[in-house]
Amino acid sequence: MKKILRLLGLLAFLGTVIWIMRDRFISLALPREPDPPAFRVAPHPPLEEEPSQDDDLTIIKGIGPVYAARLEDAGITTLAGLAAGEAEPLAETISVPTDRVENWIEEAAFLAGFQGD
């Protein structure tokens, strides 16, 4: 009787192990698909036209299309040009409060530092 109980216990143990690992056994039995071929992509040809030297001043907080057009009319089209400007005369020229122009100049100087200008 003890031998039968031991045999039943062993069979139950094996059944439990197989039940727990059934997903692993199934995945081993399934055929695997081959990896897709790797394709080489040709690099993009260089652009023929030279990029514009003007910067997009609208990346500065508070400068939208209207203020960007006013700055362009005042002769400022780059971040470095805005960073080199003086706040009071520029504020009078484009009809904007001086403290706002000071903030623009600070941010333009910060951003121009990343461009290497």
PDB file of N, CA and C in Angstrom:
ATOM      1  N   MET A   1       0.817  -1.180   0.000  1.00  0.00           N
ATOM      2  CA  MET A   1       0.000   0.000   0.000  1.00  0.00           C
ATOM      3  C   MET A   1       0.867   1.252   0.000  1.00  0.00           C
ATOM      4  N   LYS A   2       1.984   1.221   0.794  1.00  0.00           N
ATOM      5  CA  LYS A   2       2.861   2.370   0.844  1.00  0.00           C
ATOM      6  C   LYS A   2       3.506   2.618  -0.510  1.00  0.00           C
ATOM      7  N   LYS A   3       3.820   1.519  -1.220  1.00  0.00           N
ATOM      8  CA  LYS A   3       4.440   1.671  -2.519  1.00  0.00           C
ATOM      9  C   LYS A   3       3.477   2.320  -3.503  1.00  0.00           C
ATOM     10  N   ILE A   4       2.223   1.970  -3.417  1.00  0.00           N
ATOM     11  CA  ILE A   4       1.211   2.539  -4.308  1.00  0.00           C
ATOM     12  C   ILE A   4       1.042   4.027  -4.007  1.00  0.00           C
ATOM     13  N   LEU A   5       1.002   4.383  -2.713  1.00  0.00           N
ATOM     14  CA  LEU A   5       0.869   5.792  -2.348  1.00  0.00           C
ATOM     15  C   LEU A   5       2.097   6.594  -2.795  1.00  0.00           C
ATOM     16  N   ARG A   6       3.274   6.003  -2.648  1.00  0.00           N
ATOM     17  CA  ARG A   6       4.482   6.691  -3.110  1.00  0.00           C
ATOM     18  C   ARG A   6       4.447   6.875  -4.625  1.00  0.00           C
ATOM     19  N   LEU A   7       4.008   5.850  -5.331  1.00  0.00           N
ATOM     20  CA  LEU A   7       3.914   5.933  -6.778  1.00  0.00           C
ATOM     21  C   LEU A   7       2.888   6.985  -7.192  1.00  0.00           C
ATOM     22  N   LEU A   8       1.742   7.015  -6.516  1.00  0.00           N
ATOM     23  CA  LEU A   8       0.727   8.029  -6.816  1.00  0.00           C
ATOM     24  C   LEU A   8       1.246   9.440  -6.494  1.00  0.00           C
ATOM     25  N   GLY A   9       1.978   9.572  -5.405  1.00  0.00           N
ATOM     26  CA  GLY A   9       2.569  10.874  -5.051  1.00  0.00           C
ATOM     27  C   GLY A   9       3.575  11.327  -6.089  1.00  0.00           C
ATOM     28  N   LEU A  10       4.399  10.408  -6.561  1.00  0.00           N
ATOM     29  CA  LEU A  10       5.391  10.721  -7.588  1.00  0.00           C
ATOM     30  C   LEU A  10       4.698  11.117  -8.892  1.00  0.00           C
ATOM     31  N   LEU A  11       3.650  10.385  -9.262  1.00  0.00           N
ATOM     32  CA  LEU A  11       2.893  10.710 -10.477  1.00  0.00           C
ATOM     33  C   LEU A  11       2.200  12.068 -10.346  1.00  0.00           C
ATOM     34  N   ALA A  12       1.667  12.358  -9.172  1.00  0.00           N
ATOM     35  CA  ALA A  12       1.030  13.655  -8.948  1.00  0.00           C
ATOM     36  C   ALA A  12       2.061  14.777  -9.049  1.00  0.00           C
ATOM     37  N   PHE A  13       3.236  14.542  -8.493  1.00  0.00           N
ATOM     38  CA  PHE A  13       4.301  15.541  -8.565  1.00  0.00           C
ATOM     39  C   PHE A  13       4.713  15.794 -10.016  1.00  0.00           C
ATOM     40  N   LEU A  14       4.910  14.720 -10.764  1.00  0.00           N
ATOM     41  CA  LEU A  14       5.288  14.864 -12.166  1.00  0.00           C
ATOM     42  C   LEU A  14       4.187  15.555 -12.974  1.00  0.00           C
ATOM     43  N   GLY A  15       2.959  15.207 -12.698  1.00  0.00           N
ATOM     44  CA  GLY A  15       1.831  15.857 -13.386  1.00  0.00           C
ATOM     45  C   GLY A  15       1.782  17.347 -13.081  1.00  0.00           C
ATOM     46  N   THR A  16       2.047  17.721 -11.826  1.00  0.00           N
ATOM     47  CA  THR A  16       2.048  19.127 -11.445  1.00  0.00           C
ATOM     48  C   THR A  16       3.171  19.879 -12.152  1.00  0.00           C
ATOM     49  N   VAL A  17       4.349  19.275 -12.203  1.00  0.00           N
ATOM     50  CA  VAL A  17       5.482  19.919 -12.876  1.00  0.00           C
ATOM     51  C   VAL A  17       5.187  20.093 -14.356  1.00  0.00           C
ATOM     52  N   ILE A  18       4.635  19.085 -14.969  1.00  0.00           N
ATOM     53  CA  ILE A  18       4.300  19.181 -16.394  1.00  0.00           C
ATOM     54  C   ILE A  18       3.214  20.228 -16.610  1.00  0.00           C
ATOM     55  N   TRP A  19       2.238  20.289 -15.726  1.00  0.00           N
ATOM     56  CA  TRP A  19       1.157  21.272 -15.846  1.00  0.00           C
ATOM     57  C   TRP A  19       1.711  22.700 -15.721  1.00  0.00           C
ATOM     58  N   ILE A  20       2.629  22.894 -14.794  1.00  0.00           N
ATOM     59  CA  ILE A  20       3.204  24.227 -14.601  1.00  0.00           C
ATOM     60  C   ILE A  20       4.068  24.625 -15.799  1.00  0.00           C
ATOM     61  N   MET A  21       4.777  23.686 -16.361  1.00  0.00           N
ATOM     62  CA  MET A  21       5.711  23.994 -17.438  1.00  0.00           C
ATOM     63  C   MET A  21       5.150  23.696 -18.823  1.00  0.00           C
ATOM     64  N   ARG A  22       3.842  23.558 -18.950  1.00  0.00           N
ATOM     65  CA  ARG A  22       3.251  23.174 -20.225  1.00  0.00           C
ATOM     66  C   ARG A  22       3.509  24.206 -21.321  1.00  0.00           C
ATOM     67  N   ASP A  23       3.493  25.512 -20.989  1.00  0.00           N
ATOM     68  CA  ASP A  23       3.747  26.535 -22.002  1.00  0.00           C
ATOM     69  C   ASP A  23       5.173  26.438 -22.527  1.00  0.00           C
ATOM     70  N   ARG A  24       6.099  26.116 -21.647  1.00  0.00           N
ATOM     71  CA  ARG A  24       7.498  25.985 -22.058  1.00  0.00           C
ATOM     72  C   ARG A  24       7.662  24.781 -22.974  1.00  0.00           C
ATOM     73  N   PHE A  25       6.997  23.699 -22.660  1.00  0.00           N
ATOM     74  CA  PHE A  25       7.101  22.514 -23.503  1.00  0.00           C
ATOM     75  C   PHE A  25       6.472  22.764 -24.872  1.00  0.00           C
ATOM     76  N   ILE A  26       5.366  23.465 -24.881  1.00  0.00           N
ATOM     77  CA  ILE A  26       4.689  23.740 -26.147  1.00  0.00           C
ATOM     78  C   ILE A  26       5.553  24.651 -27.013  1.00  0.00           C
ATOM     79  N   SER A  27       6.170  25.678 -26.396  1.00  0.00           N
ATOM     80  CA  SER A  27       6.987  26.595 -27.187  1.00  0.00           C
ATOM     81  C   SER A  27       8.226  25.909 -27.752  1.00  0.00           C
ATOM     82  N   LEU A  28       8.739  24.898 -27.067  1.00  0.00           N
ATOM     83  CA  LEU A  28       9.883  24.162 -27.587  1.00  0.00           C
ATOM     84  C   LEU A  28       9.490  23.303 -28.776  1.00  0.00           C
ATOM     85  N   ALA A  29       8.253  22.847 -28.805  1.00  0.00           N
ATOM     86  CA  ALA A  29       7.803  21.968 -29.876  1.00  0.00           C
ATOM     87  C   ALA A  29       7.417  22.743 -31.134  1.00  0.00           C
ATOM     88  N   LEU A  30       7.102  24.028 -31.000  1.00  0.00           N
ATOM     89  CA  LEU A  30       6.679  24.808 -32.156  1.00  0.00           C
ATOM     90  C   LEU A  30       7.873  25.167 -33.036  1.00  0.00           C
ATOM     91  N   PRO A  31       7.670  25.156 -34.350  1.00  0.00           N
ATOM     92  CA  PRO A  31       8.779  25.554 -35.236  1.00  0.00           C
ATOM     93  C   PRO A  31       9.012  27.066 -35.132  1.00  0.00           C
ATOM     94  N   ARG A  32      10.251  27.466 -35.219  1.00  0.00           N
ATOM     95  CA  ARG A  32      10.602  28.883 -35.132  1.00  0.00           C
ATOM     96  C   ARG A  32      10.733  29.456 -36.546  1.00  0.00           C
ATOM     97  N   GLU A  33      10.284  30.712 -36.688  1.00  0.00           N
ATOM     98  CA  GLU A  33      10.408  31.386 -37.972  1.00  0.00           C
ATOM     99  C   GLU A  33      11.809  31.976 -38.082  1.00  0.00           C
ATOM    100  N   PRO A  34      12.362  31.971 -39.261  1.00  0.00           N
ATOM    101  CA  PRO A  34      13.692  32.574 -39.415  1.00  0.00           C
ATOM    102  C   PRO A  34      13.611  34.095 -39.263  1.00  0.00           C
ATOM    103  N   ASP A  35      14.716  34.703 -38.871  1.00  0.00           N
ATOM    104  CA  ASP A  35      14.765  36.158 -38.754  1.00  0.00           C
ATOM    105  C   ASP A  35      14.615  36.778 -40.139  1.00  0.00           C
ATOM    106  N   PRO A  36      13.942  37.911 -40.216  1.00  0.00           N
ATOM    107  CA  PRO A  36      13.802  38.558 -41.524  1.00  0.00           C
ATOM    108  C   PRO A  36      15.157  39.070 -42.002  1.00  0.00           C
ATOM    109  N   PRO A  37      15.333  39.144 -43.305  1.00  0.00           N
ATOM    110  CA  PRO A  37      16.626  39.613 -43.814  1.00  0.00           C
ATOM    111  C   PRO A  37      16.827  41.089 -43.488  1.00  0.00           C
ATOM    112  N   ALA A  38      18.062  41.459 -43.267  1.00  0.00           N
ATOM    113  CA  ALA A  38      18.387  42.853 -42.978  1.00  0.00           C
ATOM    114  C   ALA A  38      18.684  43.559 -44.293  1.00  0.00           C
ATOM    115  N   PHE A  39      18.046  44.695 -44.488  1.00  0.00           N
ATOM    116  CA  PHE A  39      18.236  45.464 -45.709  1.00  0.00           C
ATOM    117  C   PHE A  39      19.080  46.688 -45.404  1.00  0.00           C
ATOM    118  N   ARG A  40      19.915  47.024 -46.326  1.00  0.00           N
ATOM    119  CA  ARG A  40      20.705  48.243 -46.179  1.00  0.00           C
ATOM    120  C   ARG A  40      19.987  49.364 -46.910  1.00  0.00           C
ATOM    121  N   VAL A  41      19.907  50.492 -46.242  1.00  0.00           N
ATOM    122  CA  VAL A  41      19.246  51.651 -46.824  1.00  0.00           C
ATOM    123  C   VAL A  41      20.317  52.653 -47.212  1.00  0.00           C
ATOM    124  N   ALA A  42      20.217  53.156 -48.414  1.00  0.00           N
ATOM    125  CA  ALA A  42      21.190  54.141 -48.885  1.00  0.00           C
ATOM    126  C   ALA A  42      20.980  55.447 -48.124  1.00  0.00           C
ATOM    127  N   PRO A  43      22.058  56.131 -47.770  1.00  0.00           N
ATOM    128  CA  PRO A  43      21.908  57.406 -47.060  1.00  0.00           C
ATOM    129  C   PRO A  43      21.281  58.455 -47.965  1.00  0.00           C
ATOM    130  N   HIS A  44      20.630  59.413 -47.337  1.00  0.00           N
ATOM    131  CA  HIS A  44      20.006  60.492 -48.102  1.00  0.00           C
ATOM    132  C   HIS A  44      21.087  61.344 -48.758  1.00  0.00           C
ATOM    133  N   PRO A  45      20.865  61.774 -49.995  1.00  0.00           N
ATOM    134  CA  PRO A  45      21.854  62.646 -50.628  1.00  0.00           C
ATOM    135  C   PRO A  45      21.864  64.007 -49.933  1.00  0.00           C
ATOM    136  N   PRO A  46      22.987  64.688 -49.932  1.00  0.00           N
ATOM    137  CA  PRO A  46      23.042  66.003 -49.282  1.00  0.00           C
ATOM    138  C   PRO A  46      22.143  66.992 -50.003  1.00  0.00           C
ATOM    139  N   LEU A  47      21.649  67.951 -49.258  1.00  0.00           N
ATOM    140  CA  LEU A  47      20.778  68.963 -49.831  1.00  0.00           C
ATOM    141  C   LEU A  47      21.582  69.879 -50.748  1.00  0.00           C
ATOM    142  N   GLU A  48      21.019  70.192 -51.880  1.00  0.00           N
ATOM    143  CA  GLU A  48      21.685  71.058 -52.843  1.00  0.00           C
ATOM    144  C   GLU A  48      21.638  72.522 -52.396  1.00  0.00           C
ATOM    145  N   GLU A  49      20.513  72.905 -51.838  1.00  0.00           N
ATOM    146  CA  GLU A  49      20.354  74.309 -51.459  1.00  0.00           C
ATOM    147  C   GLU A  49      20.971  74.565 -50.088  1.00  0.00           C
ATOM    148  N   GLU A  50      21.473  75.743 -49.918  1.00  0.00           N
ATOM    149  CA  GLU A  50      22.090  76.123 -48.653  1.00  0.00           C
ATOM    150  C   GLU A  50      20.996  76.553 -47.681  1.00  0.00           C
ATOM    151  N   PRO A  51      21.037  76.079 -46.443  1.00  0.00           N
ATOM    152  CA  PRO A  51      19.992  76.477 -45.505  1.00  0.00           C
ATOM    153  C   PRO A  51      20.061  77.967 -45.204  1.00  0.00           C
ATOM    154  N   SER A  52      18.934  78.504 -44.862  1.00  0.00           N
ATOM    155  CA  SER A  52      18.831  79.930 -44.564  1.00  0.00           C
ATOM    156  C   SER A  52      19.604  80.256 -43.290  1.00  0.00           C
ATOM    157  N   GLN A  53      20.206  81.433 -43.253  1.00  0.00           N
ATOM    158  CA  GLN A  53      20.948  81.865 -42.079  1.00  0.00           C
ATOM    159  C   GLN A  53      20.026  82.420 -41.005  1.00  0.00           C
ATOM    160  N   ASP A  54      18.754  82.651 -41.336  1.00  0.00           N
ATOM    161  CA  ASP A  54      17.801  83.181 -40.368  1.00  0.00           C
ATOM    162  C   ASP A  54      17.346  82.076 -39.424  1.00  0.00           C
ATOM    163  N   ASP A  55      17.178  82.433 -38.158  1.00  0.00           N
ATOM    164  CA  ASP A  55      16.677  81.492 -37.161  1.00  0.00           C
ATOM    165  C   ASP A  55      15.176  81.679 -36.999  1.00  0.00           C
ATOM    166  N   ASP A  56      14.545  80.662 -36.467  1.00  0.00           N
ATOM    167  CA  ASP A  56      13.124  80.757 -36.144  1.00  0.00           C
ATOM    168  C   ASP A  56      13.006  81.389 -34.763  1.00  0.00           C
ATOM    169  N   LEU A  57      12.675  82.656 -34.723  1.00  0.00           N
ATOM    170  CA  LEU A  57      12.590  83.374 -33.452  1.00  0.00           C
ATOM    171  C   LEU A  57      11.349  82.995 -32.655  1.00  0.00           C
ATOM    172  N   THR A  58      10.428  82.285 -33.282  1.00  0.00           N
ATOM    173  CA  THR A  58       9.206  81.913 -32.564  1.00  0.00           C
ATOM    174  C   THR A  58       9.435  80.792 -31.555  1.00  0.00           C
ATOM    175  N   ILE A  59      10.651  80.246 -31.504  1.00  0.00           N
ATOM    176  CA  ILE A  59      10.929  79.237 -30.476  1.00  0.00           C
ATOM    177  C   ILE A  59      11.109  79.875 -29.113  1.00  0.00           C
ATOM    178  N   ILE A  60      11.273  81.180 -29.092  1.00  0.00           N
ATOM    179  CA  ILE A  60      11.404  81.901 -27.826  1.00  0.00           C
ATOM    180  C   ILE A  60      10.013  82.141 -27.262  1.00  0.00           C
ATOM    181  N   LYS A  61       9.864  81.886 -25.975  1.00  0.00           N
ATOM    182  CA  LYS A  61       8.566  82.048 -25.320  1.00  0.00           C
ATOM    183  C   LYS A  61       8.133  83.508 -25.398  1.00  0.00           C
ATOM    184  N   GLY A  62       6.951  83.734 -25.934  1.00  0.00           N
ATOM    185  CA  GLY A  62       6.392  85.081 -26.036  1.00  0.00           C
ATOM    186  C   GLY A  62       6.526  85.685 -27.417  1.00  0.00           C
ATOM    187  N   ILE A  63       7.318  85.074 -28.291  1.00  0.00           N
ATOM    188  CA  ILE A  63       7.457  85.597 -29.652  1.00  0.00           C
ATOM    189  C   ILE A  63       6.623  84.725 -30.580  1.00  0.00           C
ATOM    190  N   GLY A  64       5.621  85.339 -31.146  1.00  0.00           N
ATOM    191  CA  GLY A  64       4.787  84.659 -32.129  1.00  0.00           C
ATOM    192  C   GLY A  64       5.081  85.218 -33.506  1.00  0.00           C
ATOM    193  N   PRO A  65       4.233  84.924 -34.477  1.00  0.00           N
ATOM    194  CA  PRO A  65       4.470  85.410 -35.837  1.00  0.00           C
ATOM    195  C   PRO A  65       4.474  86.938 -35.936  1.00  0.00           C
ATOM    196  N   VAL A  66       3.626  87.598 -35.150  1.00  0.00           N
ATOM    197  CA  VAL A  66       3.538  89.061 -35.224  1.00  0.00           C
ATOM    198  C   VAL A  66       4.818  89.700 -34.701  1.00  0.00           C
ATOM    199  N   TYR A  67       5.261  89.277 -33.511  1.00  0.00           N
ATOM    200  CA  TYR A  67       6.488  89.844 -32.954  1.00  0.00           C
ATOM    201  C   TYR A  67       7.710  89.438 -33.771  1.00  0.00           C
ATOM    202  N   ALA A  68       7.696  88.251 -34.354  1.00  0.00           N
ATOM    203  CA  ALA A  68       8.802  87.835 -35.210  1.00  0.00           C
ATOM    204  C   ALA A  68       8.889  88.731 -36.438  1.00  0.00           C
ATOM    205  N   ALA A  69       7.733  89.091 -36.993  1.00  0.00           N
ATOM    206  CA  ALA A  69       7.727  90.000 -38.142  1.00  0.00           C
ATOM    207  C   ALA A  69       8.212  91.388 -37.737  1.00  0.00           C
ATOM    208  N   ARG A  70       7.828  91.849 -36.546  1.00  0.00           N
ATOM    209  CA  ARG A  70       8.314  93.152 -36.075  1.00  0.00           C
ATOM    210  C   ARG A  70       9.823  93.136 -35.859  1.00  0.00           C
ATOM    211  N   LEU A  71      10.334  92.047 -35.307  1.00  0.00           N
ATOM    212  CA  LEU A  71      11.774  91.938 -35.108  1.00  0.00           C
ATOM    213  C   LEU A  71      12.507  91.904 -36.450  1.00  0.00           C
ATOM    214  N   GLU A  72      11.921  91.208 -37.414  1.00  0.00           N
ATOM    215  CA  GLU A  72      12.530  91.156 -38.745  1.00  0.00           C
ATOM    216  C   GLU A  72      12.544  92.533 -39.388  1.00  0.00           C
ATOM    217  N   ASP A  73      11.459  93.284 -39.212  1.00  0.00           N
ATOM    218  CA  ASP A  73      11.417  94.652 -39.726  1.00  0.00           C
ATOM    219  C   ASP A  73      12.465  95.531 -39.053  1.00  0.00           C
ATOM    220  N   ALA A  74      12.798  95.233 -37.803  1.00  0.00           N
ATOM    221  CA  ALA A  74      13.822  95.978 -37.080  1.00  0.00           C
ATOM    222  C   ALA A  74      15.221  95.488 -37.424  1.00  0.00           C
ATOM    223  N   GLY A  75      15.331  94.448 -38.262  1.00  0.00           N
ATOM    224  CA  GLY A  75      16.627  93.956 -38.706  1.00  0.00           C
ATOM    225  C   GLY A  75      17.171  92.800 -37.891  1.00  0.00           C
ATOM    226  N   ILE A  76      16.368  92.196 -37.039  1.00  0.00           N
ATOM    227  CA  ILE A  76      16.820  91.074 -36.217  1.00  0.00           C
ATOM    228  C   ILE A  76      16.174  89.803 -36.747  1.00  0.00           C
ATOM    229  N   THR A  77      17.014  88.902 -37.298  1.00  0.00           N
ATOM    230  CA  THR A  77      16.485  87.654 -37.863  1.00  0.00           C
ATOM    231  C   THR A  77      17.144  86.421 -37.258  1.00  0.00           C
ATOM    232  N   THR A  78      18.124  86.608 -36.379  1.00  0.00           N
ATOM    233  CA  THR A  78      18.815  85.469 -35.785  1.00  0.00           C
ATOM    234  C   THR A  78      18.772  85.565 -34.270  1.00  0.00           C
ATOM    235  N   LEU A  79      18.981  84.413 -33.623  1.00  0.00           N
ATOM    236  CA  LEU A  79      19.030  84.392 -32.165  1.00  0.00           C
ATOM    237  C   LEU A  79      20.224  85.187 -31.654  1.00  0.00           C
ATOM    238  N   ALA A  80      21.354  85.078 -32.358  1.00  0.00           N
ATOM    239  CA  ALA A  80      22.545  85.827 -31.947  1.00  0.00           C
ATOM    240  C   ALA A  80      22.316  87.321 -32.081  1.00  0.00           C
ATOM    241  N   GLY A  81      21.609  87.731 -33.116  1.00  0.00           N
ATOM    242  CA  GLY A  81      21.300  89.152 -33.292  1.00  0.00           C
ATOM    243  C   GLY A  81      20.397  89.673 -32.186  1.00  0.00           C
ATOM    244  N   LEU A  82      19.429  88.859 -31.790  1.00  0.00           N
ATOM    245  CA  LEU A  82      18.544  89.263 -30.695  1.00  0.00           C
ATOM    246  C   LEU A  82      19.305  89.288 -29.377  1.00  0.00           C
ATOM    247  N   ALA A  83      20.197  88.316 -29.187  1.00  0.00           N
ATOM    248  CA  ALA A  83      20.969  88.263 -27.949  1.00  0.00           C
ATOM    249  C   ALA A  83      21.910  89.456 -27.831  1.00  0.00           C
ATOM    250  N   ALA A  84      22.381  89.984 -28.960  1.00  0.00           N
ATOM    251  CA  ALA A  84      23.304  91.115 -28.942  1.00  0.00           C
ATOM    252  C   ALA A  84      22.576  92.461 -28.861  1.00  0.00           C
ATOM    253  N   GLY A  85      21.254  92.443 -28.994  1.00  0.00           N
ATOM    254  CA  GLY A  85      20.498  93.689 -28.983  1.00  0.00           C
ATOM    255  C   GLY A  85      20.366  94.285 -27.595  1.00  0.00           C
ATOM    256  N   GLU A  86      20.023  95.560 -27.566  1.00  0.00           N
ATOM    257  CA  GLU A  86      19.764  96.250 -26.304  1.00  0.00           C
ATOM    258  C   GLU A  86      18.261  96.350 -26.106  1.00  0.00           C
ATOM    259  N   ALA A  87      17.816  96.147 -24.883  1.00  0.00           N
ATOM    260  CA  ALA A  87      16.391  95.995 -24.597  1.00  0.00           C
ATOM    261  C   ALA A  87      15.593  97.273 -24.835  1.00  0.00           C
ATOM    262  N   GLU A  88      16.054  98.397 -24.301  1.00  0.00           N
ATOM    263  CA  GLU A  88      15.242  99.624 -24.370  1.00  0.00           C
ATOM    264  C   GLU A  88      15.021 100.129 -25.788  1.00  0.00           C
ATOM    265  N   PRO A  89      16.075 100.306 -26.606  1.00  0.00           N
ATOM    266  CA  PRO A  89      15.812 100.789 -27.973  1.00  0.00           C
ATOM    267  C   PRO A  89      14.989  99.802 -28.800  1.00  0.00           C
ATOM    268  N   LEU A  90      15.237  98.517 -28.585  1.00  0.00           N
ATOM    269  CA  LEU A  90      14.493  97.505 -29.330  1.00  0.00           C
ATOM    270  C   LEU A  90      13.027  97.503 -28.921  1.00  0.00           C
ATOM    271  N   ALA A  91      12.765  97.669 -27.624  1.00  0.00           N
ATOM    272  CA  ALA A  91      11.386  97.690 -27.133  1.00  0.00           C
ATOM    273  C   ALA A  91      10.623  98.871 -27.724  1.00  0.00           C
ATOM    274  N   GLU A  92      11.281 100.010 -27.832  1.00  0.00           N
ATOM    275  CA  GLU A  92      10.622 101.185 -28.424  1.00  0.00           C
ATOM    276  C   GLU A  92      10.380 100.978 -29.909  1.00  0.00           C
ATOM    277  N   THR A  93      11.324 100.323 -30.589  1.00  0.00           N
ATOM    278  CA  THR A  93      11.207 100.129 -32.033  1.00  0.00           C
ATOM    279  C   THR A  93      10.042  99.205 -32.387  1.00  0.00           C
ATOM    280  N   ILE A  94       9.857  98.140 -31.607  1.00  0.00           N
ATOM    281  CA  ILE A  94       8.808  97.170 -31.957  1.00  0.00           C
ATOM    282  C   ILE A  94       7.564  97.304 -31.089  1.00  0.00           C
ATOM    283  N   SER A  95       7.524  98.314 -30.241  1.00  0.00           N
ATOM    284  CA  SER A  95       6.352  98.615 -29.394  1.00  0.00           C
ATOM    285  C   SER A  95       5.988  97.453 -28.468  1.00  0.00           C
ATOM    286  N   VAL A  96       6.970  97.060 -27.662  1.00  0.00           N
ATOM    287  CA  VAL A  96       6.798  95.972 -26.703  1.00  0.00           C
ATOM    288  C   VAL A  96       7.385  96.429 -25.378  1.00  0.00           C
ATOM    289  N   PRO A  97       6.822  95.994 -24.246  1.00  0.00           N
ATOM    290  CA  PRO A  97       7.402  96.372 -22.949  1.00  0.00           C
ATOM    291  C   PRO A  97       8.861  95.934 -22.818  1.00  0.00           C
ATOM    292  N   THR A  98       9.640  96.758 -22.144  1.00  0.00           N
ATOM    293  CA  THR A  98      11.084  96.509 -22.014  1.00  0.00           C
ATOM    294  C   THR A  98      11.399  95.217 -21.279  1.00  0.00           C
ATOM    295  N   ASP A  99      10.647  94.910 -20.212  1.00  0.00           N
ATOM    296  CA  ASP A  99      10.944  93.685 -19.460  1.00  0.00           C
ATOM    297  C   ASP A  99      10.713  92.435 -20.306  1.00  0.00           C
ATOM    298  N   ARG A 100       9.740  92.484 -21.198  1.00  0.00           N
ATOM    299  CA  ARG A 100       9.493  91.345 -22.085  1.00  0.00           C
ATOM    300  C   ARG A 100      10.669  91.156 -23.043  1.00  0.00           C
ATOM    301  N   VAL A 101      11.167  92.273 -23.587  1.00  0.00           N
ATOM    302  CA  VAL A 101      12.306  92.201 -24.506  1.00  0.00           C
ATOM    303  C   VAL A 101      13.546  91.722 -23.764  1.00  0.00           C
ATOM    304  N   GLU A 102      13.725  92.110 -22.512  1.00  0.00           N
ATOM    305  CA  GLU A 102      14.863  91.627 -21.716  1.00  0.00           C
ATOM    306  C   GLU A 102      14.798  90.111 -21.559  1.00  0.00           C
ATOM    307  N   ASN A 103      13.597  89.580 -21.320  1.00  0.00           N
ATOM    308  CA  ASN A 103      13.427  88.121 -21.214  1.00  0.00           C
ATOM    309  C   ASN A 103      13.763  87.435 -22.539  1.00  0.00           C
ATOM    310  N   TRP A 104      13.346  88.052 -23.649  1.00  0.00           N
ATOM    311  CA  TRP A 104      13.647  87.488 -24.963  1.00  0.00           C
ATOM    312  C   TRP A 104      15.151  87.453 -25.199  1.00  0.00           C
ATOM    313  N   ILE A 105      15.830  88.541 -24.814  1.00  0.00           N
ATOM    314  CA  ILE A 105      17.273  88.631 -25.024  1.00  0.00           C
ATOM    315  C   ILE A 105      17.994  87.567 -24.199  1.00  0.00           C
ATOM    316  N   GLU A 106      17.570  87.367 -22.951  1.00  0.00           N
ATOM    317  CA  GLU A 106      18.182  86.335 -22.114  1.00  0.00           C
ATOM    318  C   GLU A 106      17.993  84.948 -22.713  1.00  0.00           C
ATOM    319  N   GLU A 107      16.771  84.661 -23.161  1.00  0.00           N
ATOM    320  CA  GLU A 107      16.506  83.338 -23.732  1.00  0.00           C
ATOM    321  C   GLU A 107      17.232  83.152 -25.061  1.00  0.00           C
ATOM    322  N   ALA A 108      17.317  84.214 -25.862  1.00  0.00           N
ATOM    323  CA  ALA A 108      18.037  84.131 -27.136  1.00  0.00           C
ATOM    324  C   ALA A 108      19.521  83.878 -26.891  1.00  0.00           C
ATOM    325  N   ALA A 109      20.088  84.516 -25.872  1.00  0.00           N
ATOM    326  CA  ALA A 109      21.499  84.285 -25.546  1.00  0.00           C
ATOM    327  C   ALA A 109      21.711  82.841 -25.118  1.00  0.00           C
ATOM    328  N   PHE A 110      20.793  82.313 -24.348  1.00  0.00           N
ATOM    329  CA  PHE A 110      20.875  80.927 -23.904  1.00  0.00           C
ATOM    330  C   PHE A 110      20.812  79.977 -25.097  1.00  0.00           C
ATOM    331  N   LEU A 111      19.852  80.192 -25.973  1.00  0.00           N
ATOM    332  CA  LEU A 111      19.673  79.307 -27.137  1.00  0.00           C
ATOM    333  C   LEU A 111      20.806  79.468 -28.158  1.00  0.00           C
ATOM    334  N   ALA A 112      21.320  80.678 -28.308  1.00  0.00           N
ATOM    335  CA  ALA A 112      22.414  80.906 -29.244  1.00  0.00           C
ATOM    336  C   ALA A 112      23.672  80.185 -28.785  1.00  0.00           C
ATOM    337  N   GLY A 113      23.823  79.997 -27.480  1.00  0.00           N
ATOM    338  CA  GLY A 113      24.966  79.260 -26.961  1.00  0.00           C
ATOM    339  C   GLY A 113      24.974  77.810 -27.419  1.00  0.00           C
ATOM    340  N   PHE A 114      23.812  77.237 -27.664  1.00  0.00           N
ATOM    341  CA  PHE A 114      23.730  75.856 -28.134  1.00  0.00           C
ATOM    342  C   PHE A 114      24.044  75.746 -29.622  1.00  0.00           C
ATOM    343  N   GLN A 115      23.891  76.841 -30.359  1.00  0.00           N
ATOM    344  CA  GLN A 115      24.136  76.799 -31.794  1.00  0.00           C
ATOM    345  C   GLN A 115      25.602  77.052 -32.121  1.00  0.00           C
ATOM    346  N   GLY A 116      26.359  77.461 -31.144  1.00  0.00           N
ATOM    347  CA  GLY A 116      27.777  77.720 -31.398  1.00  0.00           C
ATOM    348  C   GLY A 116      28.009  79.077 -32.033  1.00  0.00           C
ATOM    349  N   ASP A 117      27.007  79.951 -31.976  1.00  0.00           N
ATOM    350  CA  ASP A 117      27.186  81.301 -32.532  1.00  0.00           C
ATOM    351  C   ASP A 117      27.941  82.181 -31.576  1.00  0.00           C
TER     352      ASP A 117
END
